[in-house]
Amino acid sequence: YYKARYSKAEAYKKTRSSCKSHVSKGKLWIIKNGNLVR
């Protein structure tokens, strides 16, 4: 998404920030207490 819209450096920054945001919003997955959870 960001690569198609921004320079390489800016796309990297925006991708990194968006991924961090996805973690806090529960849109990614982690293993917690032996279970796969948001």
PDB file of all heavy atoms in Angstrom:
ATOM      1  N   TYR A   1       0.834  -1.202   0.000  1.00  0.00           N
ATOM      2  CA  TYR A   1       0.000   0.000   0.000  1.00  0.00           C
ATOM      3  C   TYR A   1       0.871   1.256   0.000  1.00  0.00           C
ATOM      4  O   TYR A   1       0.693   2.155  -0.824  1.00  0.00           O
ATOM      5  CB  TYR A   1      -0.938   0.001   1.214  1.00  0.00           C
ATOM      6  CG  TYR A   1      -1.740   1.265   1.339  1.00  0.00           C
ATOM      7  CD1 TYR A   1      -2.931   1.420   0.635  1.00  0.00           C
ATOM      8  CD2 TYR A   1      -1.307   2.313   2.145  1.00  0.00           C
ATOM      9  CE1 TYR A   1      -3.669   2.589   0.729  1.00  0.00           C
ATOM     10  CE2 TYR A   1      -2.044   3.488   2.254  1.00  0.00           C
ATOM     11  CZ  TYR A   1      -3.214   3.619   1.546  1.00  0.00           C
ATOM     12  OH  TYR A   1      -3.943   4.780   1.634  1.00  0.00           O
ATOM     13  N   TYR A   2       1.816   1.328   0.927  1.00  0.00           N
ATOM     14  CA  TYR A   2       2.653   2.517   1.030  1.00  0.00           C
ATOM     15  C   TYR A   2       3.686   2.611  -0.081  1.00  0.00           C
ATOM     16  O   TYR A   2       4.014   3.713  -0.532  1.00  0.00           O
ATOM     17  CB  TYR A   2       3.315   2.591   2.408  1.00  0.00           C
ATOM     18  CG  TYR A   2       2.328   2.917   3.493  1.00  0.00           C
ATOM     19  CD1 TYR A   2       2.032   2.023   4.505  1.00  0.00           C
ATOM     20  CD2 TYR A   2       1.648   4.128   3.493  1.00  0.00           C
ATOM     21  CE1 TYR A   2       1.102   2.320   5.489  1.00  0.00           C
ATOM     22  CE2 TYR A   2       0.718   4.439   4.469  1.00  0.00           C
ATOM     23  CZ  TYR A   2       0.447   3.528   5.464  1.00  0.00           C
ATOM     24  OH  TYR A   2      -0.482   3.832   6.433  1.00  0.00           O
ATOM     25  N   LYS A   3       4.189   1.490  -0.535  1.00  0.00           N
ATOM     26  CA  LYS A   3       5.179   1.486  -1.614  1.00  0.00           C
ATOM     27  C   LYS A   3       4.604   2.106  -2.885  1.00  0.00           C
ATOM     28  O   LYS A   3       5.308   2.793  -3.628  1.00  0.00           O
ATOM     29  CB  LYS A   3       5.647   0.057  -1.901  1.00  0.00           C
ATOM     30  CG  LYS A   3       6.729  -0.031  -2.943  1.00  0.00           C
ATOM     31  CD  LYS A   3       7.158  -1.466  -3.171  1.00  0.00           C
ATOM     32  CE  LYS A   3       8.215  -1.533  -4.254  1.00  0.00           C
ATOM     33  NZ  LYS A   3       8.580  -2.904  -4.568  1.00  0.00           N
ATOM     34  N   ALA A   4       3.322   1.883  -3.122  1.00  0.00           N
ATOM     35  CA  ALA A   4       2.673   2.408  -4.324  1.00  0.00           C
ATOM     36  C   ALA A   4       2.406   3.913  -4.221  1.00  0.00           C
ATOM     37  O   ALA A   4       2.091   4.548  -5.231  1.00  0.00           O
ATOM     38  CB  ALA A   4       1.362   1.670  -4.566  1.00  0.00           C
ATOM     39  N   ARG A   5       2.535   4.480  -3.029  1.00  0.00           N
ATOM     40  CA  ARG A   5       2.137   5.871  -2.821  1.00  0.00           C
ATOM     41  C   ARG A   5       3.260   6.812  -2.388  1.00  0.00           C
ATOM     42  O   ARG A   5       3.104   8.033  -2.470  1.00  0.00           O
ATOM     43  CB  ARG A   5       1.018   5.918  -1.773  1.00  0.00           C
ATOM     44  CG  ARG A   5      -0.280   5.362  -2.307  1.00  0.00           C
ATOM     45  CD  ARG A   5      -1.237   4.980  -1.196  1.00  0.00           C
ATOM     46  NE  ARG A   5      -2.511   4.516  -1.714  1.00  0.00           N
ATOM     47  CZ  ARG A   5      -2.735   3.299  -2.204  1.00  0.00           C
ATOM     48  NH1 ARG A   5      -1.753   2.414  -2.258  1.00  0.00           N
ATOM     49  NH2 ARG A   5      -3.930   2.973  -2.655  1.00  0.00           N
ATOM     50  N   TYR A   6       4.371   6.274  -1.914  1.00  0.00           N
ATOM     51  CA  TYR A   6       5.419   7.113  -1.339  1.00  0.00           C
ATOM     52  C   TYR A   6       6.797   6.691  -1.825  1.00  0.00           C
ATOM     53  O   TYR A   6       6.976   5.592  -2.347  1.00  0.00           O
ATOM     54  CB  TYR A   6       5.383   7.019   0.195  1.00  0.00           C
ATOM     55  CG  TYR A   6       4.102   7.534   0.793  1.00  0.00           C
ATOM     56  CD1 TYR A   6       3.045   6.678   1.079  1.00  0.00           C
ATOM     57  CD2 TYR A   6       3.942   8.887   1.070  1.00  0.00           C
ATOM     58  CE1 TYR A   6       1.859   7.151   1.625  1.00  0.00           C
ATOM     59  CE2 TYR A   6       2.756   9.368   1.614  1.00  0.00           C
ATOM     60  CZ  TYR A   6       1.722   8.495   1.893  1.00  0.00           C
ATOM     61  OH  TYR A   6       0.556   8.971   2.425  1.00  0.00           O
ATOM     62  N   SER A   7       7.775   7.553  -1.564  1.00  0.00           N
ATOM     63  CA  SER A   7       9.163   7.201  -1.854  1.00  0.00           C
ATOM     64  C   SER A   7       9.553   6.001  -0.984  1.00  0.00           C
ATOM     65  O   SER A   7       8.886   5.701   0.012  1.00  0.00           O
ATOM     66  CB  SER A   7      10.081   8.380  -1.533  1.00  0.00           C
ATOM     67  OG  SER A   7      10.135   8.599  -0.128  1.00  0.00           O
ATOM     68  N   LYS A   8      10.645   5.375  -1.336  1.00  0.00           N
ATOM     69  CA  LYS A   8      11.079   4.184  -0.598  1.00  0.00           C
ATOM     70  C   LYS A   8      11.272   4.481   0.890  1.00  0.00           C
ATOM     71  O   LYS A   8      10.796   3.739   1.745  1.00  0.00           O
ATOM     72  CB  LYS A   8      12.368   3.640  -1.206  1.00  0.00           C
ATOM     73  CG  LYS A   8      12.825   2.340  -0.628  1.00  0.00           C
ATOM     74  CD  LYS A   8      14.035   1.803  -1.376  1.00  0.00           C
ATOM     75  CE  LYS A   8      14.451   0.454  -0.836  1.00  0.00           C
ATOM     76  NZ  LYS A   8      15.589  -0.103  -1.581  1.00  0.00           N
ATOM     77  N   ALA A   9      11.962   5.572   1.196  1.00  0.00           N
ATOM     78  CA  ALA A   9      12.237   5.912   2.601  1.00  0.00           C
ATOM     79  C   ALA A   9      10.950   6.232   3.353  1.00  0.00           C
ATOM     80  O   ALA A   9      10.754   5.790   4.488  1.00  0.00           O
ATOM     81  CB  ALA A   9      13.205   7.094   2.683  1.00  0.00           C
ATOM     82  N   GLU A  10      10.077   6.992   2.734  1.00  0.00           N
ATOM     83  CA  GLU A  10       8.820   7.359   3.396  1.00  0.00           C
ATOM     84  C   GLU A  10       7.909   6.137   3.539  1.00  0.00           C
ATOM     85  O   GLU A  10       7.240   5.966   4.565  1.00  0.00           O
ATOM     86  CB  GLU A  10       8.114   8.467   2.608  1.00  0.00           C
ATOM     87  CG  GLU A  10       6.992   9.127   3.347  1.00  0.00           C
ATOM     88  CD  GLU A  10       7.402   9.855   4.616  1.00  0.00           C
ATOM     89  OE1 GLU A  10       8.565  10.270   4.751  1.00  0.00           O
ATOM     90  OE2 GLU A  10       6.539  10.008   5.494  1.00  0.00           O
ATOM     91  N   ALA A  11       7.890   5.292   2.525  1.00  0.00           N
ATOM     92  CA  ALA A  11       7.077   4.070   2.592  1.00  0.00           C
ATOM     93  C   ALA A  11       7.554   3.181   3.738  1.00  0.00           C
ATOM     94  O   ALA A  11       6.732   2.594   4.452  1.00  0.00           O
ATOM     95  CB  ALA A  11       7.145   3.316   1.266  1.00  0.00           C
ATOM     96  N   TYR A  12       8.874   3.083   3.929  1.00  0.00           N
ATOM     97  CA  TYR A  12       9.419   2.289   5.020  1.00  0.00           C
ATOM     98  C   TYR A  12       8.927   2.822   6.371  1.00  0.00           C
ATOM     99  O   TYR A  12       8.465   2.064   7.218  1.00  0.00           O
ATOM    100  CB  TYR A  12      10.952   2.286   4.972  1.00  0.00           C
ATOM    101  CG  TYR A  12      11.576   1.617   6.169  1.00  0.00           C
ATOM    102  CD1 TYR A  12      11.669   0.233   6.229  1.00  0.00           C
ATOM    103  CD2 TYR A  12      12.040   2.356   7.240  1.00  0.00           C
ATOM    104  CE1 TYR A  12      12.219  -0.404   7.338  1.00  0.00           C
ATOM    105  CE2 TYR A  12      12.597   1.744   8.351  1.00  0.00           C
ATOM    106  CZ  TYR A  12      12.679   0.366   8.393  1.00  0.00           C
ATOM    107  OH  TYR A  12      13.215  -0.247   9.490  1.00  0.00           O
ATOM    108  N   LYS A  13       9.026   4.145   6.558  1.00  0.00           N
ATOM    109  CA  LYS A  13       8.601   4.754   7.823  1.00  0.00           C
ATOM    110  C   LYS A  13       7.116   4.523   8.074  1.00  0.00           C
ATOM    111  O   LYS A  13       6.704   4.186   9.183  1.00  0.00           O
ATOM    112  CB  LYS A  13       8.880   6.258   7.800  1.00  0.00           C
ATOM    113  CG  LYS A  13      10.315   6.647   7.916  1.00  0.00           C
ATOM    114  CD  LYS A  13      10.414   8.162   7.950  1.00  0.00           C
ATOM    115  CE  LYS A  13      11.688   8.639   7.321  1.00  0.00           C
ATOM    116  NZ  LYS A  13      11.737  10.088   7.218  1.00  0.00           N
ATOM    117  N   LYS A  14       6.316   4.733   7.045  1.00  0.00           N
ATOM    118  CA  LYS A  14       4.866   4.584   7.199  1.00  0.00           C
ATOM    119  C   LYS A  14       4.482   3.127   7.431  1.00  0.00           C
ATOM    120  O   LYS A  14       3.584   2.834   8.220  1.00  0.00           O
ATOM    121  CB  LYS A  14       4.148   5.163   5.991  1.00  0.00           C
ATOM    122  CG  LYS A  14       4.221   6.678   5.939  1.00  0.00           C
ATOM    123  CD  LYS A  14       3.386   7.245   4.816  1.00  0.00           C
ATOM    124  CE  LYS A  14       3.403   8.757   4.804  1.00  0.00           C
ATOM    125  NZ  LYS A  14       2.721   9.362   5.944  1.00  0.00           N
ATOM    126  N   THR A  15       5.162   2.213   6.759  1.00  0.00           N
ATOM    127  CA  THR A  15       4.884   0.786   6.944  1.00  0.00           C
ATOM    128  C   THR A  15       5.220   0.372   8.365  1.00  0.00           C
ATOM    129  O   THR A  15       4.427  -0.297   9.029  1.00  0.00           O
ATOM    130  CB  THR A  15       5.692  -0.057   5.937  1.00  0.00           C
ATOM    131  OG1 THR A  15       5.274   0.285   4.612  1.00  0.00           O
ATOM    132  CG2 THR A  15       5.478  -1.545   6.157  1.00  0.00           C
ATOM    133  N   ARG A  16       6.359   0.788   8.842  1.00  0.00           N
ATOM    134  CA  ARG A  16       6.787   0.460  10.215  1.00  0.00           C
ATOM    135  C   ARG A  16       5.788   1.005  11.238  1.00  0.00           C
ATOM    136  O   ARG A  16       5.359   0.290  12.144  1.00  0.00           O
ATOM    137  CB  ARG A  16       8.182   1.025  10.454  1.00  0.00           C
ATOM    138  CG  ARG A  16       8.777   0.685  11.780  1.00  0.00           C
ATOM    139  CD  ARG A  16      10.202   1.235  11.844  1.00  0.00           C
ATOM    140  NE  ARG A  16      10.712   1.220  13.168  1.00  0.00           N
ATOM    141  CZ  ARG A  16      11.452   0.244  13.679  1.00  0.00           C
ATOM    142  NH1 ARG A  16      11.750  -0.793  12.941  1.00  0.00           N
ATOM    143  NH2 ARG A  16      11.883   0.315  14.916  1.00  0.00           N
ATOM    144  N   SER A  17       5.393   2.251  11.067  1.00  0.00           N
ATOM    145  CA  SER A  17       4.440   2.874  11.976  1.00  0.00           C
ATOM    146  C   SER A  17       3.080   2.167  11.924  1.00  0.00           C
ATOM    147  O   SER A  17       2.457   1.913  12.960  1.00  0.00           O
ATOM    148  CB  SER A  17       4.273   4.348  11.605  1.00  0.00           C
ATOM    149  OG  SER A  17       3.287   4.950  12.396  1.00  0.00           O
ATOM    150  N   SER A  18       2.643   1.839  10.736  1.00  0.00           N
ATOM    151  CA  SER A  18       1.354   1.165  10.576  1.00  0.00           C
ATOM    152  C   SER A  18       1.374  -0.222  11.206  1.00  0.00           C
ATOM    153  O   SER A  18       0.392  -0.627  11.853  1.00  0.00           O
ATOM    154  CB  SER A  18       0.991   1.079   9.095  1.00  0.00           C
ATOM    155  OG  SER A  18      -0.272   0.502   8.934  1.00  0.00           O
ATOM    156  N   CYS A  19       2.465  -0.938  11.051  1.00  0.00           N
ATOM    157  CA  CYS A  19       2.557  -2.269  11.656  1.00  0.00           C
ATOM    158  C   CYS A  19       2.504  -2.168  13.182  1.00  0.00           C
ATOM    159  O   CYS A  19       1.827  -2.967  13.832  1.00  0.00           O
ATOM    160  CB  CYS A  19       3.828  -2.976  11.205  1.00  0.00           C
ATOM    161  SG  CYS A  19       3.750  -3.559   9.497  1.00  0.00           S
ATOM    162  N   LYS A  20       3.191  -1.187  13.748  1.00  0.00           N
ATOM    163  CA  LYS A  20       3.133  -0.986  15.203  1.00  0.00           C
ATOM    164  C   LYS A  20       1.706  -0.680  15.637  1.00  0.00           C
ATOM    165  O   LYS A  20       1.233  -1.173  16.665  1.00  0.00           O
ATOM    166  CB  LYS A  20       4.070   0.140  15.626  1.00  0.00           C
ATOM    167  CG  LYS A  20       5.524  -0.230  15.584  1.00  0.00           C
ATOM    168  CD  LYS A  20       6.377   0.938  16.043  1.00  0.00           C
ATOM    169  CE  LYS A  20       7.836   0.588  16.049  1.00  0.00           C
ATOM    170  NZ  LYS A  20       8.671   1.692  16.540  1.00  0.00           N
ATOM    171  N   SER A  21       1.023   0.134  14.860  1.00  0.00           N
ATOM    172  CA  SER A  21      -0.359   0.476  15.168  1.00  0.00           C
ATOM    173  C   SER A  21      -1.256  -0.756  15.101  1.00  0.00           C
ATOM    174  O   SER A  21      -2.143  -0.941  15.937  1.00  0.00           O
ATOM    175  CB  SER A  21      -0.849   1.540  14.183  1.00  0.00           C
ATOM    176  OG  SER A  21      -2.202   1.827  14.388  1.00  0.00           O
ATOM    177  N   HIS A  22      -1.016  -1.595  14.109  1.00  0.00           N
ATOM    178  CA  HIS A  22      -1.803  -2.825  13.967  1.00  0.00           C
ATOM    179  C   HIS A  22      -1.629  -3.734  15.185  1.00  0.00           C
ATOM    180  O   HIS A  22      -2.573  -4.393  15.603  1.00  0.00           O
ATOM    181  CB  HIS A  22      -1.416  -3.571  12.689  1.00  0.00           C
ATOM    182  CG  HIS A  22      -2.152  -3.104  11.475  1.00  0.00           C
ATOM    183  ND1 HIS A  22      -2.010  -1.843  10.945  1.00  0.00           N
ATOM    184  CD2 HIS A  22      -3.046  -3.738  10.700  1.00  0.00           C
ATOM    185  CE1 HIS A  22      -2.783  -1.724   9.890  1.00  0.00           C
ATOM    186  NE2 HIS A  22      -3.431  -2.856   9.715  1.00  0.00           N
ATOM    187  N   VAL A  23      -0.432  -3.758  15.750  1.00  0.00           N
ATOM    188  CA  VAL A  23      -0.183  -4.566  16.954  1.00  0.00           C
ATOM    189  C   VAL A  23      -1.063  -4.069  18.095  1.00  0.00           C
ATOM    190  O   VAL A  23      -1.780  -4.850  18.733  1.00  0.00           O
ATOM    191  CB  VAL A  23       1.306  -4.533  17.369  1.00  0.00           C
ATOM    192  CG1 VAL A  23       1.497  -5.138  18.749  1.00  0.00           C
ATOM    193  CG2 VAL A  23       2.159  -5.269  16.345  1.00  0.00           C
ATOM    194  N   SER A  24      -1.027  -2.765  18.350  1.00  0.00           N
ATOM    195  CA  SER A  24      -1.780  -2.227  19.493  1.00  0.00           C
ATOM    196  C   SER A  24      -3.289  -2.304  19.294  1.00  0.00           C
ATOM    197  O   SER A  24      -4.044  -2.365  20.265  1.00  0.00           O
ATOM    198  CB  SER A  24      -1.356  -0.791  19.786  1.00  0.00           C
ATOM    199  OG  SER A  24      -1.684   0.057  18.713  1.00  0.00           O
ATOM    200  N   LYS A  25      -3.732  -2.331  18.045  1.00  0.00           N
ATOM    201  CA  LYS A  25      -5.166  -2.418  17.758  1.00  0.00           C
ATOM    202  C   LYS A  25      -5.675  -3.855  17.668  1.00  0.00           C
ATOM    203  O   LYS A  25      -6.855  -4.076  17.404  1.00  0.00           O
ATOM    204  CB  LYS A  25      -5.487  -1.674  16.467  1.00  0.00           C
ATOM    205  CG  LYS A  25      -5.305  -0.179  16.576  1.00  0.00           C
ATOM    206  CD  LYS A  25      -5.598   0.501  15.270  1.00  0.00           C
ATOM    207  CE  LYS A  25      -5.417   2.009  15.392  1.00  0.00           C
ATOM    208  NZ  LYS A  25      -5.630   2.670  14.095  1.00  0.00           N
ATOM    209  N   GLY A  26      -4.778  -4.816  17.842  1.00  0.00           N
ATOM    210  CA  GLY A  26      -5.198  -6.218  17.820  1.00  0.00           C
ATOM    211  C   GLY A  26      -5.417  -6.773  16.434  1.00  0.00           C
ATOM    212  O   GLY A  26      -6.133  -7.754  16.258  1.00  0.00           O
ATOM    213  N   LYS A  27      -4.770  -6.196  15.449  1.00  0.00           N
ATOM    214  CA  LYS A  27      -4.949  -6.660  14.073  1.00  0.00           C
ATOM    215  C   LYS A  27      -3.872  -7.653  13.653  1.00  0.00           C
ATOM    216  O   LYS A  27      -3.879  -8.134  12.530  1.00  0.00           O
ATOM    217  CB  LYS A  27      -4.968  -5.464  13.119  1.00  0.00           C
ATOM    218  CG  LYS A  27      -6.175  -4.566  13.345  1.00  0.00           C
ATOM    219  CD  LYS A  27      -6.190  -3.425  12.366  1.00  0.00           C
ATOM    220  CE  LYS A  27      -7.424  -2.569  12.572  1.00  0.00           C
ATOM    221  NZ  LYS A  27      -7.466  -1.460  11.609  1.00  0.00           N
ATOM    222  N   LEU A  28      -2.922  -7.931  14.557  1.00  0.00           N
ATOM    223  CA  LEU A  28      -1.894  -8.934  14.299  1.00  0.00           C
ATOM    224  C   LEU A  28      -2.027 -10.033  15.343  1.00  0.00           C
ATOM    225  O   LEU A  28      -2.912  -9.990  16.188  1.00  0.00           O
ATOM    226  CB  LEU A  28      -0.504  -8.299  14.320  1.00  0.00           C
ATOM    227  CG  LEU A  28      -0.241  -7.283  13.218  1.00  0.00           C
ATOM    228  CD1 LEU A  28       1.157  -6.691  13.358  1.00  0.00           C
ATOM    229  CD2 LEU A  28      -0.424  -7.865  11.839  1.00  0.00           C
ATOM    230  N   TRP A  29      -1.149 -11.021  15.287  1.00  0.00           N
ATOM    231  CA  TRP A  29      -1.259 -12.202  16.136  1.00  0.00           C
ATOM    232  C   TRP A  29      -0.021 -12.372  16.988  1.00  0.00           C
ATOM    233  O   TRP A  29       1.084 -12.052  16.557  1.00  0.00           O
ATOM    234  CB  TRP A  29      -1.448 -13.443  15.266  1.00  0.00           C
ATOM    235  CG  TRP A  29      -2.712 -13.403  14.499  1.00  0.00           C
ATOM    236  CD1 TRP A  29      -2.899 -12.882  13.249  1.00  0.00           C
ATOM    237  CD2 TRP A  29      -3.992 -13.875  14.917  1.00  0.00           C
ATOM    238  NE1 TRP A  29      -4.216 -13.005  12.889  1.00  0.00           N
ATOM    239  CE2 TRP A  29      -4.908 -13.609  13.885  1.00  0.00           C
ATOM    240  CE3 TRP A  29      -4.447 -14.492  16.080  1.00  0.00           C
ATOM    241  CZ2 TRP A  29      -6.250 -13.956  13.975  1.00  0.00           C
ATOM    242  CZ3 TRP A  29      -5.788 -14.838  16.161  1.00  0.00           C
ATOM    243  CH2 TRP A  29      -6.670 -14.567  15.126  1.00  0.00           C
ATOM    244  N   ILE A  30      -0.214 -12.887  18.205  1.00  0.00           N
ATOM    245  CA  ILE A  30       0.886 -13.235  19.107  1.00  0.00           C
ATOM    246  C   ILE A  30       0.561 -14.584  19.755  1.00  0.00           C
ATOM    247  O   ILE A  30      -0.576 -15.049  19.696  1.00  0.00           O
ATOM    248  CB  ILE A  30       1.104 -12.177  20.212  1.00  0.00           C
ATOM    249  CG1 ILE A  30      -0.152 -12.027  21.091  1.00  0.00           C
ATOM    250  CG2 ILE A  30       1.529 -10.847  19.611  1.00  0.00           C
ATOM    251  CD1 ILE A  30       0.054 -11.172  22.336  1.00  0.00           C
ATOM    252  N   ILE A  31       1.573 -15.166  20.364  1.00  0.00           N
ATOM    253  CA  ILE A  31       1.357 -16.378  21.149  1.00  0.00           C
ATOM    254  C   ILE A  31       1.404 -15.958  22.611  1.00  0.00           C
ATOM    255  O   ILE A  31       2.386 -15.378  23.071  1.00  0.00           O
ATOM    256  CB  ILE A  31       2.407 -17.452  20.846  1.00  0.00           C
ATOM    257  CG1 ILE A  31       2.312 -17.863  19.382  1.00  0.00           C
ATOM    258  CG2 ILE A  31       2.235 -18.655  21.779  1.00  0.00           C
ATOM    259  CD1 ILE A  31       3.416 -18.762  18.912  1.00  0.00           C
ATOM    260  N   LYS A  32       0.314 -16.198  23.320  1.00  0.00           N
ATOM    261  CA  LYS A  32       0.191 -15.803  24.714  1.00  0.00           C
ATOM    262  C   LYS A  32      -0.288 -17.000  25.508  1.00  0.00           C
ATOM    263  O   LYS A  32      -1.324 -17.585  25.171  1.00  0.00           O
ATOM    264  CB  LYS A  32      -0.784 -14.636  24.837  1.00  0.00           C
ATOM    265  CG  LYS A  32      -0.880 -14.052  26.218  1.00  0.00           C
ATOM    266  CD  LYS A  32      -1.752 -12.808  26.185  1.00  0.00           C
ATOM    267  CE  LYS A  32      -1.807 -12.137  27.527  1.00  0.00           C
ATOM    268  NZ  LYS A  32      -2.635 -10.915  27.473  1.00  0.00           N
ATOM    269  N   ASN A  33       0.460 -17.355  26.522  1.00  0.00           N
ATOM    270  CA  ASN A  33       0.114 -18.515  27.351  1.00  0.00           C
ATOM    271  C   ASN A  33      -0.111 -19.770  26.509  1.00  0.00           C
ATOM    272  O   ASN A  33      -1.026 -20.553  26.768  1.00  0.00           O
ATOM    273  CB  ASN A  33      -1.115 -18.227  28.214  1.00  0.00           C
ATOM    274  CG  ASN A  33      -0.907 -17.068  29.174  1.00  0.00           C
ATOM    275  OD1 ASN A  33       0.204 -16.898  29.690  1.00  0.00           O
ATOM    276  ND2 ASN A  33      -1.922 -16.294  29.396  1.00  0.00           N
ATOM    277  N   GLY A  34       0.691 -19.913  25.467  1.00  0.00           N
ATOM    278  CA  GLY A  34       0.616 -21.103  24.620  1.00  0.00           C
ATOM    279  C   GLY A  34      -0.512 -21.094  23.600  1.00  0.00           C
ATOM    280  O   GLY A  34      -0.734 -22.099  22.936  1.00  0.00           O
ATOM    281  N   ASN A  35      -1.209 -19.965  23.472  1.00  0.00           N
ATOM    282  CA  ASN A  35      -2.324 -19.884  22.527  1.00  0.00           C
ATOM    283  C   ASN A  35      -2.079 -18.774  21.507  1.00  0.00           C
ATOM    284  O   ASN A  35      -1.486 -17.749  21.831  1.00  0.00           O
ATOM    285  CB  ASN A  35      -3.634 -19.597  23.257  1.00  0.00           C
ATOM    286  CG  ASN A  35      -4.032 -20.727  24.162  1.00  0.00           C
ATOM    287  OD1 ASN A  35      -4.122 -21.867  23.747  1.00  0.00           O
ATOM    288  ND2 ASN A  35      -4.241 -20.419  25.436  1.00  0.00           N
ATOM    289  N   LEU A  36      -2.577 -18.960  20.319  1.00  0.00           N
ATOM    290  CA  LEU A  36      -2.498 -17.935  19.277  1.00  0.00           C
ATOM    291  C   LEU A  36      -3.685 -16.995  19.457  1.00  0.00           C
ATOM    292  O   LEU A  36      -4.833 -17.413  19.392  1.00  0.00           O
ATOM    293  CB  LEU A  36      -2.553 -18.609  17.900  1.00  0.00           C
ATOM    294  CG  LEU A  36      -2.318 -17.725  16.684  1.00  0.00           C
ATOM    295  CD1 LEU A  36      -0.927 -17.097  16.743  1.00  0.00           C
ATOM    296  CD2 LEU A  36      -2.481 -18.528  15.410  1.00  0.00           C
ATOM    297  N   VAL A  37      -3.365 -15.713  19.745  1.00  0.00           N
ATOM    298  CA  VAL A  37      -4.415 -14.733  20.037  1.00  0.00           C
ATOM    299  C   VAL A  37      -4.103 -13.419  19.317  1.00  0.00           C
ATOM    300  O   VAL A  37      -2.979 -13.179  18.878  1.00  0.00           O
ATOM    301  CB  VAL A  37      -4.547 -14.464  21.555  1.00  0.00           C
ATOM    302  CG1 VAL A  37      -4.961 -15.727  22.294  1.00  0.00           C
ATOM    303  CG2 VAL A  37      -3.261 -13.904  22.138  1.00  0.00           C
ATOM    304  N   ARG A  38      -5.107 -12.561  19.230  1.00  0.00           N
ATOM    305  CA  ARG A  38      -4.918 -11.234  18.663  1.00  0.00           C
ATOM    306  C   ARG A  38      -3.928 -10.455  19.525  1.00  0.00           C
ATOM    307  O   ARG A  38      -3.857 -10.647  20.740  1.00  0.00           O
ATOM    308  CB  ARG A  38      -6.245 -10.479  18.571  1.00  0.00           C
ATOM    309  CG  ARG A  38      -7.171 -11.009  17.516  1.00  0.00           C
ATOM    310  CD  ARG A  38      -6.591 -10.734  16.156  1.00  0.00           C
ATOM    311  NE  ARG A  38      -7.557 -11.068  15.116  1.00  0.00           N
ATOM    312  CZ  ARG A  38      -7.433 -10.670  13.881  1.00  0.00           C
ATOM    313  NH1 ARG A  38      -6.408  -9.933  13.522  1.00  0.00           N
ATOM    314  NH2 ARG A  38      -8.327 -11.020  12.984  1.00  0.00           N
TER     315      ARG A  38
END
